[in-house]
Amino acid sequence: MHEKLAGTADWPDFINRDEYTQAEIDALPDQAFADRVNRQFPIHEKAATFLSAVSYYGQCEPDVQLEASLEKAASIHGISENVAKVREILEGWEKSADDGSGEGSMDYALSINYGSDEDPDIQNYLPISTPAEIEDSSMELAKQARANEIPIEVTRIAAQHILKAAAAHGVDPIHLHISCRRIGGELAPNFEKAAALVEYRAHYPGMDEIGMSVYRDLVRAAAADESRLDDFIKLAIETDIAYGVNYDDLHLDPYQIFYSGDAVEDLQKMAKNTVVVDGVMVPRDIFCRIPGAAIEKNFDLSAREKIASAQAKALRDTTEASLDLEGLDSDERRGLLDLALSASV
């Protein structure tokens, strides 16, 4: 597997060899492995973590606990994107080699290997092969998450599998437990709500001002750099562990705190049918209804041409229309928004 990937554009520069010697492996402590029991998949440094991910995603049966350990190590070493990319490639190869439908199959949201690669003992949980099972498993997962019966990182993976199965079976996410939708990332981030929800931690037994400062800083950091949101969530999970936080209806887990906005699918549908005017999402039909006479009266020739171009593009691509409007100055955008609001009544 290493040989097939090495030398491609997806093989990172920090990999200067494709294996470690047995002496190097033997010298590592147990905690340097994603699989500590069997001392497999070393994660003590960046290169080792990446190579372990290649080995796991390319050759092994699914193991959510092992995946969680690899993802956490990748985040710590700052190579989450590299690992996510190679996982996508390797799983794509696996699907293309499937002699069935090509889509693969997943009948359970959780499959945990209690044995080893040589002598596996795989137990399956949370069936998701029918719409009824998907809905029931979302409820059961939420119940287990609230009772802290399984690690939250594992819960996240199970929730993502449930959402994926729901999409495949045509199950409307509204029928799934809200906790499952939040933990699985089906809802968009909402940092204003996250800032309010995290304040409930202040009343948790044993919480102090240092801990609250960490939570508040993580919310601010996530709002400033959404691309690293999952990294900040993992730091919040580690803080919860340090303070012994157990999750319940009041003290939500970090995934539910941060992913507490609208449904991502709904936002995507909305974005396709709206034009952004001065930071406000205006429905496409209203934007295109702004009277030409009003535009003629309020804007100079240059601005009128930009607006006319945006109205024409909005019929086929609202994103392009929104980009055209960025060429207007702030006063022009504000004036155009006023006209759009007038056209909506």
Protein backbone atom coordinates (compact mmCIF):
# COMPACT_ATOMS: atom_id res chain seq x y z
CA MET A 1 0.00 0.00 0.00
CA HIS A 2 2.84 2.38 0.84
CA GLU A 3 4.51 1.64 -2.48
CA LYS A 4 1.31 2.41 -4.39
CA LEU A 5 0.94 5.82 -2.75
CA ALA A 6 4.59 6.87 -2.46
CA GLY A 7 5.68 9.36 -5.05
CA THR A 8 2.14 10.59 -5.76
CA ALA A 9 0.97 14.14 -5.12
CA ASP A 10 -0.77 12.92 -1.96
CA TRP A 11 2.43 11.57 -0.39
CA PRO A 12 3.52 14.32 2.07
CA ASP A 13 7.01 15.81 2.09
CA PHE A 14 7.59 14.95 5.76
CA ILE A 15 7.71 11.21 4.93
CA ASN A 16 11.32 10.30 4.13
CA ARG A 17 10.96 6.54 4.66
CA ASP A 18 8.11 4.05 4.56
CA GLU A 19 8.84 1.92 7.62
CA TYR A 20 10.51 1.80 11.04
CA THR A 21 12.95 -0.88 12.17
CA GLN A 22 11.80 -3.48 14.66
CA ALA A 23 14.37 -2.17 17.14
CA GLU A 24 12.82 1.30 16.94
CA ILE A 25 9.34 -0.15 17.43
CA ASP A 26 10.40 -2.30 20.39
CA ALA A 27 11.90 0.74 22.13
CA LEU A 28 8.60 2.64 22.15
CA PRO A 29 6.34 2.71 25.23
CA ASP A 30 2.80 1.30 24.98
CA GLN A 31 1.23 4.76 24.87
CA ALA A 32 3.08 5.45 21.62
CA PHE A 33 0.70 3.12 19.74
CA ALA A 34 -2.87 3.63 18.55
CA ASP A 35 -3.44 -0.02 19.50
CA ARG A 36 -1.75 -0.18 22.90
CA VAL A 37 -2.82 -3.74 23.68
CA ASN A 38 -1.16 -5.22 20.59
CA ARG A 39 1.48 -2.46 20.25
CA GLN A 40 0.46 -1.72 16.68
CA PHE A 41 0.21 1.48 14.63
CA PRO A 42 2.83 3.79 16.21
CA ILE A 43 1.72 7.42 16.60
CA HIS A 44 4.67 8.94 18.50
CA GLU A 45 5.58 11.34 15.69
CA LYS A 46 4.15 12.88 12.53
CA ALA A 47 5.63 10.41 10.02
CA ALA A 48 4.73 7.36 12.11
CA THR A 49 1.13 8.53 12.51
CA PHE A 50 0.71 9.05 8.78
CA LEU A 51 2.20 5.65 7.90
CA SER A 52 0.00 3.97 10.52
CA ALA A 53 -3.05 5.63 8.97
CA VAL A 54 -2.04 4.34 5.53
CA SER A 55 -1.68 0.82 6.92
CA TYR A 56 -4.96 0.94 8.80
CA TYR A 57 -7.23 2.51 6.17
CA GLY A 58 -5.70 0.45 3.40
CA GLN A 59 -5.74 -3.00 4.94
CA CYS A 60 -7.68 -3.33 8.20
CA GLU A 61 -11.26 -4.07 9.21
CA PRO A 62 -13.10 -1.04 10.68
CA ASP A 63 -12.32 -0.39 14.34
CA VAL A 64 -13.84 2.82 15.70
CA GLN A 65 -11.59 2.97 18.77
CA LEU A 66 -8.49 2.64 16.63
CA GLU A 67 -9.80 5.25 14.19
CA ALA A 68 -10.41 7.66 17.07
CA SER A 69 -6.83 7.18 18.32
CA LEU A 70 -5.38 7.76 14.85
CA GLU A 71 -7.52 10.87 14.29
CA LYS A 72 -6.52 12.30 17.67
CA ALA A 73 -2.81 11.70 16.96
CA ALA A 74 -3.17 13.26 13.50
CA SER A 75 -4.75 16.33 15.07
CA ILE A 76 -1.96 16.63 17.66
CA HIS A 77 0.72 16.38 14.95
CA GLY A 78 -1.13 18.81 12.66
CA ILE A 79 -1.64 16.33 9.81
CA SER A 80 -5.42 15.81 9.95
CA GLU A 81 -5.84 16.99 6.36
CA ASN A 82 -3.11 14.62 5.12
CA VAL A 83 -4.69 11.67 6.88
CA ALA A 84 -8.21 12.58 5.72
CA LYS A 85 -6.99 12.78 2.12
CA VAL A 86 -5.21 9.43 2.18
CA ARG A 87 -8.24 7.83 3.85
CA GLU A 88 -10.45 9.12 1.06
CA ILE A 89 -8.09 7.69 -1.56
CA LEU A 90 -7.70 4.29 0.09
CA GLU A 91 -11.41 3.88 0.75
CA GLY A 92 -12.05 4.85 -2.86
CA TRP A 93 -9.71 2.06 -3.99
CA GLU A 94 -11.56 -0.35 -1.71
CA LYS A 95 -14.93 0.62 -3.18
CA SER A 96 -13.70 0.32 -6.76
CA ALA A 97 -12.49 -3.19 -5.96
CA ASP A 98 -15.84 -4.21 -4.52
CA ASP A 99 -17.49 -6.78 -6.78
CA GLY A 100 -20.95 -5.89 -5.51
CA SER A 101 -22.75 -2.62 -6.07
CA GLY A 102 -19.56 -0.61 -5.72
CA GLU A 103 -21.07 1.33 -2.83
CA GLY A 104 -19.90 -1.08 -0.15
CA SER A 105 -22.27 -1.93 2.71
CA MET A 106 -22.60 -0.90 6.32
CA ASP A 107 -25.23 -2.62 8.42
CA TYR A 108 -24.10 -1.18 11.75
CA ALA A 109 -23.02 2.24 12.97
CA LEU A 110 -20.42 0.68 15.26
CA SER A 111 -18.14 -2.30 14.66
CA ILE A 112 -15.57 -2.84 17.39
CA ASN A 113 -12.77 -5.40 17.22
CA TYR A 114 -12.14 -6.76 20.70
CA GLY A 115 -9.51 -9.18 19.37
CA SER A 116 -6.49 -8.61 17.13
CA ASP A 117 -5.88 -8.46 13.40
CA GLU A 118 -4.77 -12.10 13.48
CA ASP A 119 -7.63 -13.27 15.70
CA PRO A 120 -10.45 -10.74 15.32
CA ASP A 121 -13.47 -10.63 17.61
CA ILE A 122 -15.74 -8.07 15.97
CA GLN A 123 -18.92 -7.04 17.73
CA ASN A 124 -21.52 -4.94 15.91
CA TYR A 125 -23.78 -2.33 17.48
CA LEU A 126 -26.53 0.07 16.37
CA PRO A 127 -28.03 -1.55 13.24
CA ILE A 128 -28.69 0.84 10.33
CA SER A 129 -29.79 -1.37 7.44
CA THR A 130 -33.43 -0.16 7.38
CA PRO A 131 -35.12 3.23 7.95
CA ALA A 132 -36.66 1.97 11.20
CA GLU A 133 -33.29 0.73 12.46
CA ILE A 134 -31.65 4.03 11.54
CA GLU A 135 -34.19 6.05 13.55
CA ASP A 136 -34.03 3.65 16.52
CA SER A 137 -30.22 3.62 16.51
CA SER A 138 -30.09 7.42 16.50
CA MET A 139 -32.21 7.40 19.67
CA GLU A 140 -30.10 4.67 21.27
CA LEU A 141 -26.85 6.47 20.42
CA ALA A 142 -28.16 9.67 21.98
CA LYS A 143 -29.11 7.72 25.10
CA GLN A 144 -25.64 6.13 25.35
CA ALA A 145 -23.93 9.46 24.71
CA ARG A 146 -25.91 11.13 27.50
CA ALA A 147 -25.00 8.28 29.86
CA ASN A 148 -21.33 8.58 28.88
CA GLU A 149 -21.30 4.87 28.01
CA ILE A 150 -18.93 5.26 25.05
CA PRO A 151 -16.16 7.81 24.30
CA ILE A 152 -17.45 10.92 22.59
CA GLU A 153 -14.99 10.50 19.69
CA VAL A 154 -16.49 7.05 19.04
CA THR A 155 -19.97 8.52 19.35
CA ARG A 156 -19.03 11.06 16.68
CA ILE A 157 -18.05 8.30 14.22
CA ALA A 158 -21.23 6.32 14.93
CA ALA A 159 -23.38 9.43 14.44
CA GLN A 160 -21.70 10.13 11.10
CA HIS A 161 -22.43 6.56 9.98
CA ILE A 162 -26.07 6.93 11.02
CA LEU A 163 -26.41 10.18 9.06
CA LYS A 164 -24.77 8.59 6.02
CA ALA A 165 -27.17 5.64 6.22
CA ALA A 166 -30.12 8.00 6.62
CA ALA A 167 -29.15 9.79 3.42
CA ALA A 168 -28.75 6.48 1.57
CA HIS A 169 -32.18 5.24 2.72
CA GLY A 170 -33.98 8.54 2.19
CA VAL A 171 -34.63 9.12 5.88
CA ASP A 172 -35.30 12.78 6.65
CA PRO A 173 -32.80 13.88 9.35
CA ILE A 174 -35.68 15.50 11.21
CA HIS A 175 -36.67 11.97 12.31
CA LEU A 176 -33.27 11.41 13.94
CA HIS A 177 -32.45 12.42 17.50
CA ILE A 178 -31.16 16.00 17.63
CA SER A 179 -28.06 14.86 19.55
CA CYS A 180 -27.17 12.45 16.75
CA ARG A 181 -27.55 15.22 14.17
CA ARG A 182 -25.37 17.60 16.17
CA ILE A 183 -22.65 15.10 17.05
CA GLY A 184 -22.53 13.81 13.47
CA GLY A 185 -22.09 17.30 12.06
CA GLU A 186 -25.43 17.43 10.20
CA LEU A 187 -26.06 20.83 11.79
CA ALA A 188 -23.95 23.86 11.01
CA PRO A 189 -21.75 25.53 13.65
CA ASN A 190 -23.29 28.33 15.68
CA PHE A 191 -20.65 30.11 17.74
CA GLU A 192 -23.01 32.58 19.38
CA LYS A 193 -25.09 29.70 20.70
CA ALA A 194 -21.90 27.79 21.60
CA ALA A 195 -20.74 30.73 23.72
CA ALA A 196 -24.04 30.60 25.64
CA LEU A 197 -24.11 26.80 26.01
CA VAL A 198 -20.54 26.60 27.29
CA GLU A 199 -21.44 28.91 30.20
CA TYR A 200 -23.38 26.05 31.80
CA ARG A 201 -19.98 24.49 32.53
CA ALA A 202 -19.41 27.25 35.12
CA HIS A 203 -21.94 25.57 37.45
CA TYR A 204 -20.43 22.09 37.13
CA PRO A 205 -18.96 20.75 40.42
CA GLY A 206 -15.21 21.28 40.49
CA MET A 207 -15.15 23.75 37.59
CA ASP A 208 -12.96 26.81 38.16
CA GLU A 209 -12.22 30.07 36.37
CA ILE A 210 -9.18 28.60 34.63
CA GLY A 211 -11.31 25.91 33.04
CA MET A 212 -13.98 28.40 32.00
CA SER A 213 -11.31 30.61 30.43
CA VAL A 214 -10.18 27.63 28.36
CA TYR A 215 -13.74 26.93 27.13
CA ARG A 216 -14.38 30.58 26.27
CA ASP A 217 -11.06 30.88 24.45
CA LEU A 218 -11.85 27.74 22.43
CA VAL A 219 -15.20 29.18 21.32
CA ARG A 220 -13.54 32.44 20.26
CA ALA A 221 -10.74 30.59 18.48
CA ALA A 222 -13.21 28.36 16.61
CA ALA A 223 -15.24 31.38 15.52
CA ALA A 224 -12.07 33.01 14.20
CA ASP A 225 -10.81 29.89 12.38
CA GLU A 226 -13.67 27.54 11.52
CA SER A 227 -11.37 25.34 9.41
CA ARG A 228 -9.86 24.03 12.68
CA LEU A 229 -13.20 23.55 14.43
CA ASP A 230 -12.77 19.83 15.08
CA ASP A 231 -9.32 20.48 16.58
CA PHE A 232 -10.85 22.95 19.03
CA ILE A 233 -13.65 20.50 19.84
CA LYS A 234 -11.08 17.83 20.70
CA LEU A 235 -9.33 20.28 23.03
CA ALA A 236 -12.69 20.95 24.69
CA ILE A 237 -13.17 17.19 25.12
CA GLU A 238 -9.75 16.93 26.78
CA THR A 239 -10.70 19.80 29.10
CA ASP A 240 -13.93 17.99 29.98
CA ILE A 241 -11.93 14.88 30.82
CA ALA A 242 -9.57 16.90 33.00
CA TYR A 243 -12.50 18.35 34.96
CA GLY A 244 -14.50 15.11 35.05
CA VAL A 245 -17.47 16.52 33.14
CA ASN A 246 -20.27 14.04 32.52
CA TYR A 247 -22.69 14.95 29.74
CA ASP A 248 -26.42 15.44 30.27
CA ASP A 249 -29.24 17.64 28.96
CA LEU A 250 -27.67 20.70 30.58
CA HIS A 251 -23.98 19.96 30.05
CA LEU A 252 -23.82 19.00 26.40
CA ASP A 253 -20.79 17.38 24.82
CA PRO A 254 -18.55 19.72 22.76
CA TYR A 255 -19.85 18.44 19.39
CA GLN A 256 -23.41 19.38 20.37
CA ILE A 257 -22.24 22.71 21.76
CA PHE A 258 -20.43 23.79 18.62
CA TYR A 259 -22.66 22.15 16.00
CA SER A 260 -25.88 23.74 17.23
CA GLY A 261 -27.02 25.76 14.22
CA ASP A 262 -29.30 25.06 11.28
CA ALA A 263 -29.20 21.93 9.16
CA VAL A 264 -26.26 22.07 6.75
CA GLU A 265 -28.45 20.76 3.93
CA ASP A 266 -31.00 23.51 4.56
CA LEU A 267 -28.28 26.15 4.53
CA GLN A 268 -26.90 24.78 1.28
CA LYS A 269 -30.36 24.88 -0.33
CA MET A 270 -30.85 28.42 0.94
CA ALA A 271 -27.46 29.53 -0.43
CA LYS A 272 -28.37 28.23 -3.88
CA ASN A 273 -31.48 30.42 -3.96
CA THR A 274 -30.19 33.63 -2.40
CA VAL A 275 -27.91 36.48 -3.42
CA VAL A 276 -25.72 38.08 -0.78
CA VAL A 277 -26.27 41.86 -0.77
CA ASP A 278 -24.23 43.80 1.80
CA GLY A 279 -23.92 40.66 3.94
CA VAL A 280 -27.63 39.83 3.83
CA MET A 281 -29.05 36.77 2.02
CA VAL A 282 -31.73 38.08 -0.35
CA PRO A 283 -34.02 35.54 -2.11
CA ARG A 284 -33.13 35.33 -5.79
CA ASP A 285 -36.63 36.22 -7.05
CA ILE A 286 -36.73 39.37 -4.91
CA PHE A 287 -33.24 40.43 -6.05
CA CYS A 288 -34.24 40.01 -9.69
CA ARG A 289 -37.46 41.99 -9.06
CA ILE A 290 -35.65 45.20 -8.11
CA PRO A 291 -37.10 47.69 -10.62
CA GLY A 292 -34.78 48.90 -13.35
CA ALA A 293 -36.12 52.42 -12.89
CA ALA A 294 -35.05 52.45 -9.24
CA ILE A 295 -31.58 51.18 -10.16
CA GLU A 296 -31.33 53.81 -12.92
CA LYS A 297 -32.28 56.55 -10.47
CA ASN A 298 -29.92 55.61 -7.62
CA PHE A 299 -26.69 54.35 -9.23
CA ASP A 300 -24.10 55.58 -11.72
CA LEU A 301 -23.35 53.76 -14.97
CA SER A 302 -20.57 51.58 -13.55
CA ALA A 303 -22.70 50.38 -10.63
CA ARG A 304 -25.74 49.84 -12.89
CA GLU A 305 -23.71 47.57 -15.16
CA LYS A 306 -22.51 45.49 -12.20
CA ILE A 307 -26.05 45.14 -10.85
CA ALA A 308 -27.47 44.22 -14.28
CA SER A 309 -24.76 41.57 -14.67
CA ALA A 310 -25.53 40.18 -11.19
CA GLN A 311 -29.27 40.00 -11.91
CA ALA A 312 -28.60 38.08 -15.13
CA LYS A 313 -26.18 35.66 -13.43
CA ALA A 314 -28.53 35.13 -10.48
CA LEU A 315 -30.88 33.19 -12.75
CA ARG A 316 -28.27 30.44 -13.19
CA ASP A 317 -25.70 30.90 -10.39
CA THR A 318 -26.36 32.98 -7.28
CA THR A 319 -22.75 32.61 -6.11
CA GLU A 320 -21.46 34.38 -9.23
CA ALA A 321 -24.09 37.09 -8.75
CA SER A 322 -22.97 37.65 -5.16
CA LEU A 323 -19.34 37.91 -6.27
CA ASP A 324 -20.28 40.55 -8.88
CA LEU A 325 -21.87 42.68 -6.16
CA GLU A 326 -18.62 42.73 -4.20
CA GLY A 327 -17.39 45.13 -6.87
CA LEU A 328 -19.77 47.78 -5.51
CA ASP A 329 -18.58 50.11 -2.78
CA SER A 330 -20.14 49.94 0.70
CA ASP A 331 -22.62 52.78 0.08
CA GLU A 332 -23.76 51.20 -3.18
CA ARG A 333 -24.25 47.80 -1.56
CA ARG A 334 -26.24 49.36 1.27
CA GLY A 335 -28.39 51.28 -1.21
CA LEU A 336 -29.00 48.12 -3.25
CA LEU A 337 -30.05 46.26 -0.10
CA ASP A 338 -32.59 49.01 0.67
CA LEU A 339 -34.06 48.57 -2.82
CA ALA A 340 -34.19 44.78 -2.35
CA LEU A 341 -36.05 45.19 0.96
CA SER A 342 -38.49 47.55 -0.74
CA ALA A 343 -39.05 45.02 -3.52
CA SER A 344 -39.90 42.33 -0.96
CA VAL A 345 -43.02 44.13 0.37
